Amino acid sequence: MIDHRRRLLSRAALAEEGRITLRREPDRAWPGDHSRLCALENDGHLTFLGEEPGALPGSASAAWRITPRGRDALREP
């Protein structure tokens, strides 16, 4: 598994309820990990929980939860 994918899955696995959240800044640009989290979702390793508006105009947060398949992927070498 690619290091950034393992890093994100590990972060989700260690978090409360297996959730990982990412913030979008008011300039509407998502951090680079957003596309990586979407790829993990497409592979079935994460489930998208949705987006919520942030406190500032244009800001938001998106959340995913690790799936059993994602936990299994972490056990693979």
PDB file of N, CA and C in Angstrom:
ATOM      1  N   MET A   1       0.840  -1.178   0.000  1.00  0.00           N
ATOM      2  CA  MET A   1       0.000   0.000   0.000  1.00  0.00           C
ATOM      3  C   MET A   1       0.888   1.245   0.000  1.00  0.00           C
ATOM      4  N   ILE A   2       0.469   2.246  -0.730  1.00  0.00           N
ATOM      5  CA  ILE A   2       1.219   3.508  -0.818  1.00  0.00           C
ATOM      6  C   ILE A   2       1.191   4.194   0.546  1.00  0.00           C
ATOM      7  N   ASP A   3       2.306   4.831   0.912  1.00  0.00           N
ATOM      8  CA  ASP A   3       2.453   5.428   2.241  1.00  0.00           C
ATOM      9  C   ASP A   3       1.346   6.401   2.618  1.00  0.00           C
ATOM     10  N   HIS A   4       0.941   7.299   1.692  1.00  0.00           N
ATOM     11  CA  HIS A   4      -0.088   8.265   2.078  1.00  0.00           C
ATOM     12  C   HIS A   4      -1.433   7.586   2.307  1.00  0.00           C
ATOM     13  N   ARG A   5      -1.707   6.507   1.596  1.00  0.00           N
ATOM     14  CA  ARG A   5      -2.960   5.778   1.814  1.00  0.00           C
ATOM     15  C   ARG A   5      -2.934   5.108   3.196  1.00  0.00           C
ATOM     16  N   ARG A   6      -1.808   4.493   3.530  1.00  0.00           N
ATOM     17  CA  ARG A   6      -1.666   3.849   4.840  1.00  0.00           C
ATOM     18  C   ARG A   6      -1.750   4.893   5.957  1.00  0.00           C
ATOM     19  N   ARG A   7      -1.133   6.046   5.742  1.00  0.00           N
ATOM     20  CA  ARG A   7      -1.162   7.121   6.740  1.00  0.00           C
ATOM     21  C   ARG A   7      -2.599   7.565   7.008  1.00  0.00           C
ATOM     22  N   LEU A   8      -3.378   7.766   5.967  1.00  0.00           N
ATOM     23  CA  LEU A   8      -4.756   8.223   6.136  1.00  0.00           C
ATOM     24  C   LEU A   8      -5.641   7.141   6.758  1.00  0.00           C
ATOM     25  N   LEU A   9      -5.467   5.901   6.326  1.00  0.00           N
ATOM     26  CA  LEU A   9      -6.253   4.810   6.919  1.00  0.00           C
ATOM     27  C   LEU A   9      -5.891   4.618   8.384  1.00  0.00           C
ATOM     28  N   SER A  10      -4.612   4.725   8.713  1.00  0.00           N
ATOM     29  CA  SER A  10      -4.180   4.596  10.109  1.00  0.00           C
ATOM     30  C   SER A  10      -4.768   5.705  10.960  1.00  0.00           C
ATOM     31  N   ARG A  11      -4.766   6.917  10.417  1.00  0.00           N
ATOM     32  CA  ARG A  11      -5.337   8.056  11.146  1.00  0.00           C
ATOM     33  C   ARG A  11      -6.820   7.828  11.427  1.00  0.00           C
ATOM     34  N   ALA A  12      -7.544   7.314  10.425  1.00  0.00           N
ATOM     35  CA  ALA A  12      -8.971   7.033  10.613  1.00  0.00           C
ATOM     36  C   ALA A  12      -9.164   5.899  11.618  1.00  0.00           C
ATOM     37  N   ALA A  13      -8.356   4.848  11.518  1.00  0.00           N
ATOM     38  CA  ALA A  13      -8.509   3.686  12.398  1.00  0.00           C
ATOM     39  C   ALA A  13      -8.283   4.048  13.862  1.00  0.00           C
ATOM     40  N   LEU A  14      -7.392   4.994  14.114  1.00  0.00           N
ATOM     41  CA  LEU A  14      -7.081   5.380  15.488  1.00  0.00           C
ATOM     42  C   LEU A  14      -8.043   6.424  16.054  1.00  0.00           C
ATOM     43  N   ALA A  15      -8.808   7.062  15.188  1.00  0.00           N
ATOM     44  CA  ALA A  15      -9.707   8.136  15.620  1.00  0.00           C
ATOM     45  C   ALA A  15     -10.991   7.582  16.231  1.00  0.00           C
ATOM     46  N   GLU A  16     -11.639   8.431  17.005  1.00  0.00           N
ATOM     47  CA  GLU A  16     -12.919   8.070  17.603  1.00  0.00           C
ATOM     48  C   GLU A  16     -13.914   7.737  16.498  1.00  0.00           C
ATOM     49  N   GLU A  17     -14.586   6.617  16.626  1.00  0.00           N
ATOM     50  CA  GLU A  17     -15.580   6.121  15.669  1.00  0.00           C
ATOM     51  C   GLU A  17     -14.996   5.866  14.285  1.00  0.00           C
ATOM     52  N   GLY A  18     -13.658   5.811  14.159  1.00  0.00           N
ATOM     53  CA  GLY A  18     -13.043   5.531  12.872  1.00  0.00           C
ATOM     54  C   GLY A  18     -13.227   6.636  11.847  1.00  0.00           C
ATOM     55  N   ARG A  19     -13.430   7.862  12.319  1.00  0.00           N
ATOM     56  CA  ARG A  19     -13.704   9.001  11.424  1.00  0.00           C
ATOM     57  C   ARG A  19     -12.448   9.803  11.131  1.00  0.00           C
ATOM     58  N   ILE A  20     -12.402  10.317   9.926  1.00  0.00           N
ATOM     59  CA  ILE A  20     -11.356  11.254   9.528  1.00  0.00           C
ATOM     60  C   ILE A  20     -12.054  12.437   8.875  1.00  0.00           C
ATOM     61  N   THR A  21     -11.668  13.633   9.286  1.00  0.00           N
ATOM     62  CA  THR A  21     -12.304  14.853   8.804  1.00  0.00           C
ATOM     63  C   THR A  21     -11.261  15.774   8.194  1.00  0.00           C
ATOM     64  N   LEU A  22     -11.664  16.475   7.166  1.00  0.00           N
ATOM     65  CA  LEU A  22     -10.787  17.401   6.468  1.00  0.00           C
ATOM     66  C   LEU A  22     -11.512  18.734   6.317  1.00  0.00           C
ATOM     67  N   ARG A  23     -10.789  19.826   6.493  1.00  0.00           N
ATOM     68  CA  ARG A  23     -11.379  21.170   6.367  1.00  0.00           C
ATOM     69  C   ARG A  23     -11.009  21.808   5.038  1.00  0.00           C
ATOM     70  N   ARG A  24     -11.999  22.481   4.482  1.00  0.00           N
ATOM     71  CA  ARG A  24     -11.774  23.302   3.287  1.00  0.00           C
ATOM     72  C   ARG A  24     -11.696  24.753   3.731  1.00  0.00           C
ATOM     73  N   GLU A  25     -10.688  25.443   3.271  1.00  0.00           N
ATOM     74  CA  GLU A  25     -10.497  26.839   3.634  1.00  0.00           C
ATOM     75  C   GLU A  25     -11.483  27.738   2.875  1.00  0.00           C
ATOM     76  N   PRO A  26     -11.671  28.974   3.343  1.00  0.00           N
ATOM     77  CA  PRO A  26     -12.615  29.880   2.681  1.00  0.00           C
ATOM     78  C   PRO A  26     -12.304  30.140   1.203  1.00  0.00           C
ATOM     79  N   ASP A  27     -11.061  29.919   0.766  1.00  0.00           N
ATOM     80  CA  ASP A  27     -10.754  30.113  -0.661  1.00  0.00           C
ATOM     81  C   ASP A  27     -11.276  28.959  -1.518  1.00  0.00           C
ATOM     82  N   ARG A  28     -11.976  28.031  -0.876  1.00  0.00           N
ATOM     83  CA  ARG A  28     -12.631  26.881  -1.507  1.00  0.00           C
ATOM     84  C   ARG A  28     -11.659  25.815  -2.029  1.00  0.00           C
ATOM     85  N   ALA A  29     -10.414  25.866  -1.600  1.00  0.00           N
ATOM     86  CA  ALA A  29      -9.432  24.858  -2.014  1.00  0.00           C
ATOM     87  C   ALA A  29      -9.332  23.767  -0.954  1.00  0.00           C
ATOM     88  N   TRP A  30      -9.505  22.517  -1.377  1.00  0.00           N
ATOM     89  CA  TRP A  30      -9.333  21.394  -0.470  1.00  0.00           C
ATOM     90  C   TRP A  30      -7.846  21.062  -0.381  1.00  0.00           C
ATOM     91  N   PRO A  31      -7.392  20.593   0.784  1.00  0.00           N
ATOM     92  CA  PRO A  31      -6.001  20.118   0.894  1.00  0.00           C
ATOM     93  C   PRO A  31      -5.792  18.893  -0.005  1.00  0.00           C
ATOM     94  N   GLY A  32      -4.540  18.582  -0.291  1.00  0.00           N
ATOM     95  CA  GLY A  32      -4.217  17.459  -1.167  1.00  0.00           C
ATOM     96  C   GLY A  32      -4.775  16.132  -0.708  1.00  0.00           C
ATOM     97  N   ASP A  33      -4.937  15.954   0.595  1.00  0.00           N
ATOM     98  CA  ASP A  33      -5.461  14.677   1.100  1.00  0.00           C
ATOM     99  C   ASP A  33      -6.912  14.437   0.697  1.00  0.00           C
ATOM    100  N   HIS A  34      -7.625  15.470   0.274  1.00  0.00           N
ATOM    101  CA  HIS A  34      -9.029  15.287  -0.124  1.00  0.00           C
ATOM    102  C   HIS A  34      -9.136  14.295  -1.276  1.00  0.00           C
ATOM    103  N   SER A  35      -8.317  14.455  -2.291  1.00  0.00           N
ATOM    104  CA  SER A  35      -8.376  13.532  -3.432  1.00  0.00           C
ATOM    105  C   SER A  35      -7.939  12.127  -3.018  1.00  0.00           C
ATOM    106  N   ARG A  36      -7.004  12.031  -2.087  1.00  0.00           N
ATOM    107  CA  ARG A  36      -6.567  10.716  -1.598  1.00  0.00           C
ATOM    108  C   ARG A  36      -7.685  10.032  -0.814  1.00  0.00           C
ATOM    109  N   LEU A  37      -8.410  10.797  -0.009  1.00  0.00           N
ATOM    110  CA  LEU A  37      -9.535  10.234   0.737  1.00  0.00           C
ATOM    111  C   LEU A  37     -10.644   9.790  -0.217  1.00  0.00           C
ATOM    112  N   CYS A  38     -10.881  10.560  -1.261  1.00  0.00           N
ATOM    113  CA  CYS A  38     -11.877  10.172  -2.268  1.00  0.00           C
ATOM    114  C   CYS A  38     -11.465   8.876  -2.964  1.00  0.00           C
ATOM    115  N   ALA A  39     -10.174   8.717  -3.243  1.00  0.00           N
ATOM    116  CA  ALA A  39      -9.681   7.487  -3.867  1.00  0.00           C
ATOM    117  C   ALA A  39      -9.875   6.294  -2.923  1.00  0.00           C
ATOM    118  N   LEU A  40      -9.606   6.489  -1.641  1.00  0.00           N
ATOM    119  CA  LEU A  40      -9.830   5.415  -0.659  1.00  0.00           C
ATOM    120  C   LEU A  40     -11.313   5.073  -0.559  1.00  0.00           C
ATOM    121  N   GLU A  41     -12.161   6.071  -0.699  1.00  0.00           N
ATOM    122  CA  GLU A  41     -13.612   5.831  -0.722  1.00  0.00           C
ATOM    123  C   GLU A  41     -13.983   5.001  -1.945  1.00  0.00           C
ATOM    124  N   ASN A  42     -13.445   5.353  -3.102  1.00  0.00           N
ATOM    125  CA  ASN A  42     -13.741   4.609  -4.335  1.00  0.00           C
ATOM    126  C   ASN A  42     -13.287   3.159  -4.250  1.00  0.00           C
ATOM    127  N   ASP A  43     -12.221   2.914  -3.490  1.00  0.00           N
ATOM    128  CA  ASP A  43     -11.706   1.551  -3.322  1.00  0.00           C
ATOM    129  C   ASP A  43     -12.456   0.758  -2.250  1.00  0.00           C
ATOM    130  N   GLY A  44     -13.386   1.413  -1.550  1.00  0.00           N
ATOM    131  CA  GLY A  44     -14.149   0.738  -0.511  1.00  0.00           C
ATOM    132  C   GLY A  44     -13.489   0.731   0.854  1.00  0.00           C
ATOM    133  N   HIS A  45     -12.392   1.486   1.006  1.00  0.00           N
ATOM    134  CA  HIS A  45     -11.694   1.531   2.292  1.00  0.00           C
ATOM    135  C   HIS A  45     -12.296   2.552   3.250  1.00  0.00           C
ATOM    136  N   LEU A  46     -13.017   3.526   2.712  1.00  0.00           N
ATOM    137  CA  LEU A  46     -13.687   4.552   3.519  1.00  0.00           C
ATOM    138  C   LEU A  46     -15.111   4.728   3.011  1.00  0.00           C
ATOM    139  N   THR A  47     -15.972   5.200   3.901  1.00  0.00           N
ATOM    140  CA  THR A  47     -17.336   5.582   3.543  1.00  0.00           C
ATOM    141  C   THR A  47     -17.459   7.081   3.739  1.00  0.00           C
ATOM    142  N   PHE A  48     -17.981   7.778   2.732  1.00  0.00           N
ATOM    143  CA  PHE A  48     -18.167   9.225   2.834  1.00  0.00           C
ATOM    144  C   PHE A  48     -19.381   9.513   3.704  1.00  0.00           C
ATOM    145  N   LEU A  49     -19.189  10.357   4.719  1.00  0.00           N
ATOM    146  CA  LEU A  49     -20.271  10.694   5.639  1.00  0.00           C
ATOM    147  C   LEU A  49     -20.950  12.012   5.292  1.00  0.00           C
ATOM    148  N   GLY A  50     -20.301  12.836   4.489  1.00  0.00           N
ATOM    149  CA  GLY A  50     -20.910  14.079   4.056  1.00  0.00           C
ATOM    150  C   GLY A  50     -20.055  15.299   4.340  1.00  0.00           C
ATOM    151  N   GLU A  51     -20.596  16.441   3.911  1.00  0.00           N
ATOM    152  CA  GLU A  51     -19.946  17.739   4.107  1.00  0.00           C
ATOM    153  C   GLU A  51     -20.829  18.612   4.973  1.00  0.00           C
ATOM    154  N   GLU A  52     -20.182  19.480   5.730  1.00  0.00           N
ATOM    155  CA  GLU A  52     -20.898  20.471   6.532  1.00  0.00           C
ATOM    156  C   GLU A  52     -20.269  21.826   6.281  1.00  0.00           C
ATOM    157  N   PRO A  53     -21.097  22.881   6.212  1.00  0.00           N
ATOM    158  CA  PRO A  53     -20.524  24.216   6.039  1.00  0.00           C
ATOM    159  C   PRO A  53     -19.717  24.616   7.263  1.00  0.00           C
ATOM    160  N   GLY A  54     -18.673  25.399   7.016  1.00  0.00           N
ATOM    161  CA  GLY A  54     -17.841  25.895   8.106  1.00  0.00           C
ATOM    162  C   GLY A  54     -18.344  27.221   8.635  1.00  0.00           C
ATOM    163  N   ALA A  55     -17.608  27.758   9.597  1.00  0.00           N
ATOM    164  CA  ALA A  55     -17.994  29.020  10.229  1.00  0.00           C
ATOM    165  C   ALA A  55     -17.792  30.214   9.304  1.00  0.00           C
ATOM    166  N   LEU A  56     -16.816  30.143   8.413  1.00  0.00           N
ATOM    167  CA  LEU A  56     -16.535  31.241   7.488  1.00  0.00           C
ATOM    168  C   LEU A  56     -17.161  30.963   6.130  1.00  0.00           C
ATOM    169  N   PRO A  57     -17.591  31.992   5.414  1.00  0.00           N
ATOM    170  CA  PRO A  57     -18.144  31.771   4.071  1.00  0.00           C
ATOM    171  C   PRO A  57     -17.142  31.044   3.181  1.00  0.00           C
ATOM    172  N   GLY A  58     -17.614  30.009   2.516  1.00  0.00           N
ATOM    173  CA  GLY A  58     -16.743  29.220   1.636  1.00  0.00           C
ATOM    174  C   GLY A  58     -16.023  28.078   2.316  1.00  0.00           C
ATOM    175  N   SER A  59     -15.971  28.093   3.633  1.00  0.00           N
ATOM    176  CA  SER A  59     -15.293  27.003   4.335  1.00  0.00           C
ATOM    177  C   SER A  59     -16.259  25.835   4.539  1.00  0.00           C
ATOM    178  N   ALA A  60     -15.693  24.663   4.737  1.00  0.00           N
ATOM    179  CA  ALA A  60     -16.504  23.461   4.940  1.00  0.00           C
ATOM    180  C   ALA A  60     -15.632  22.384   5.556  1.00  0.00           C
ATOM    181  N   SER A  61     -16.261  21.310   5.964  1.00  0.00           N
ATOM    182  CA  SER A  61     -15.525  20.131   6.396  1.00  0.00           C
ATOM    183  C   SER A  61     -16.198  18.910   5.783  1.00  0.00           C
ATOM    184  N   ALA A  62     -15.400  17.916   5.485  1.00  0.00           N
ATOM    185  CA  ALA A  62     -15.886  16.657   4.929  1.00  0.00           C
ATOM    186  C   ALA A  62     -15.404  15.540   5.837  1.00  0.00           C
ATOM    187  N   ALA A  63     -16.219  14.504   5.977  1.00  0.00           N
ATOM    188  CA  ALA A  63     -15.875  13.405   6.885  1.00  0.00           C
ATOM    189  C   ALA A  63     -16.066  12.059   6.198  1.00  0.00           C
ATOM    190  N   TRP A  64     -15.192  11.125   6.562  1.00  0.00           N
ATOM    191  CA  TRP A  64     -15.248   9.746   6.099  1.00  0.00           C
ATOM    192  C   TRP A  64     -15.096   8.828   7.310  1.00  0.00           C
ATOM    193  N   ARG A  65     -15.527   7.579   7.175  1.00  0.00           N
ATOM    194  CA  ARG A  65     -15.349   6.563   8.217  1.00  0.00           C
ATOM    195  C   ARG A  65     -14.676   5.350   7.579  1.00  0.00           C
ATOM    196  N   ILE A  66     -13.738   4.776   8.297  1.00  0.00           N
ATOM    197  CA  ILE A  66     -13.042   3.593   7.790  1.00  0.00           C
ATOM    198  C   ILE A  66     -14.013   2.407   7.763  1.00  0.00           C
ATOM    199  N   THR A  67     -13.882   1.580   6.753  1.00  0.00           N
ATOM    200  CA  THR A  67     -14.732   0.393   6.595  1.00  0.00           C
ATOM    201  C   THR A  67     -13.955  -0.844   7.057  1.00  0.00           C
ATOM    202  N   PRO A  68     -14.641  -1.968   7.218  1.00  0.00           N
ATOM    203  CA  PRO A  68     -13.919  -3.207   7.532  1.00  0.00           C
ATOM    204  C   PRO A  68     -12.856  -3.535   6.474  1.00  0.00           C
ATOM    205  N   ARG A  69     -13.152  -3.246   5.241  1.00  0.00           N
ATOM    206  CA  ARG A  69     -12.169  -3.475   4.172  1.00  0.00           C
ATOM    207  C   ARG A  69     -10.931  -2.596   4.379  1.00  0.00           C
ATOM    208  N   GLY A  70     -11.131  -1.360   4.827  1.00  0.00           N
ATOM    209  CA  GLY A  70     -10.012  -0.466   5.119  1.00  0.00           C
ATOM    210  C   GLY A  70      -9.163  -0.970   6.272  1.00  0.00           C
ATOM    211  N   ARG A  71      -9.829  -1.497   7.299  1.00  0.00           N
ATOM    212  CA  ARG A  71      -9.082  -2.069   8.442  1.00  0.00           C
ATOM    213  C   ARG A  71      -8.277  -3.297   7.998  1.00  0.00           C
ATOM    214  N   ASP A  72      -8.879  -4.117   7.134  1.00  0.00           N
ATOM    215  CA  ASP A  72      -8.160  -5.284   6.615  1.00  0.00           C
ATOM    216  C   ASP A  72      -6.936  -4.864   5.803  1.00  0.00           C
ATOM    217  N   ALA A  73      -7.069  -3.784   5.036  1.00  0.00           N
ATOM    218  CA  ALA A  73      -5.945  -3.307   4.222  1.00  0.00           C
ATOM    219  C   ALA A  73      -4.768  -2.890   5.097  1.00  0.00           C
ATOM    220  N   LEU A  74      -5.046  -2.387   6.287  1.00  0.00           N
ATOM    221  CA  LEU A  74      -3.970  -1.995   7.199  1.00  0.00           C
ATOM    222  C   LEU A  74      -3.193  -3.198   7.724  1.00  0.00           C
ATOM    223  N   ARG A  75      -3.828  -4.346   7.759  1.00  0.00           N
ATOM    224  CA  ARG A  75      -3.164  -5.554   8.256  1.00  0.00           C
ATOM    225  C   ARG A  75      -2.244  -6.175   7.209  1.00  0.00           C
ATOM    226  N   GLU A  76      -2.453  -5.805   5.935  1.00  0.00           N
ATOM    227  CA  GLU A  76      -1.612  -6.345   4.861  1.00  0.00           C
ATOM    228  C   GLU A  76      -0.236  -5.695   4.899  1.00  0.00           C
ATOM    229  N   PRO A  77       0.804  -6.447   4.562  1.00  0.00           N
ATOM    230  CA  PRO A  77       2.168  -5.880   4.574  1.00  0.00           C
ATOM    231  C   PRO A  77       2.381  -4.826   3.507  1.00  0.00           C
TER     232      PRO A  77
END
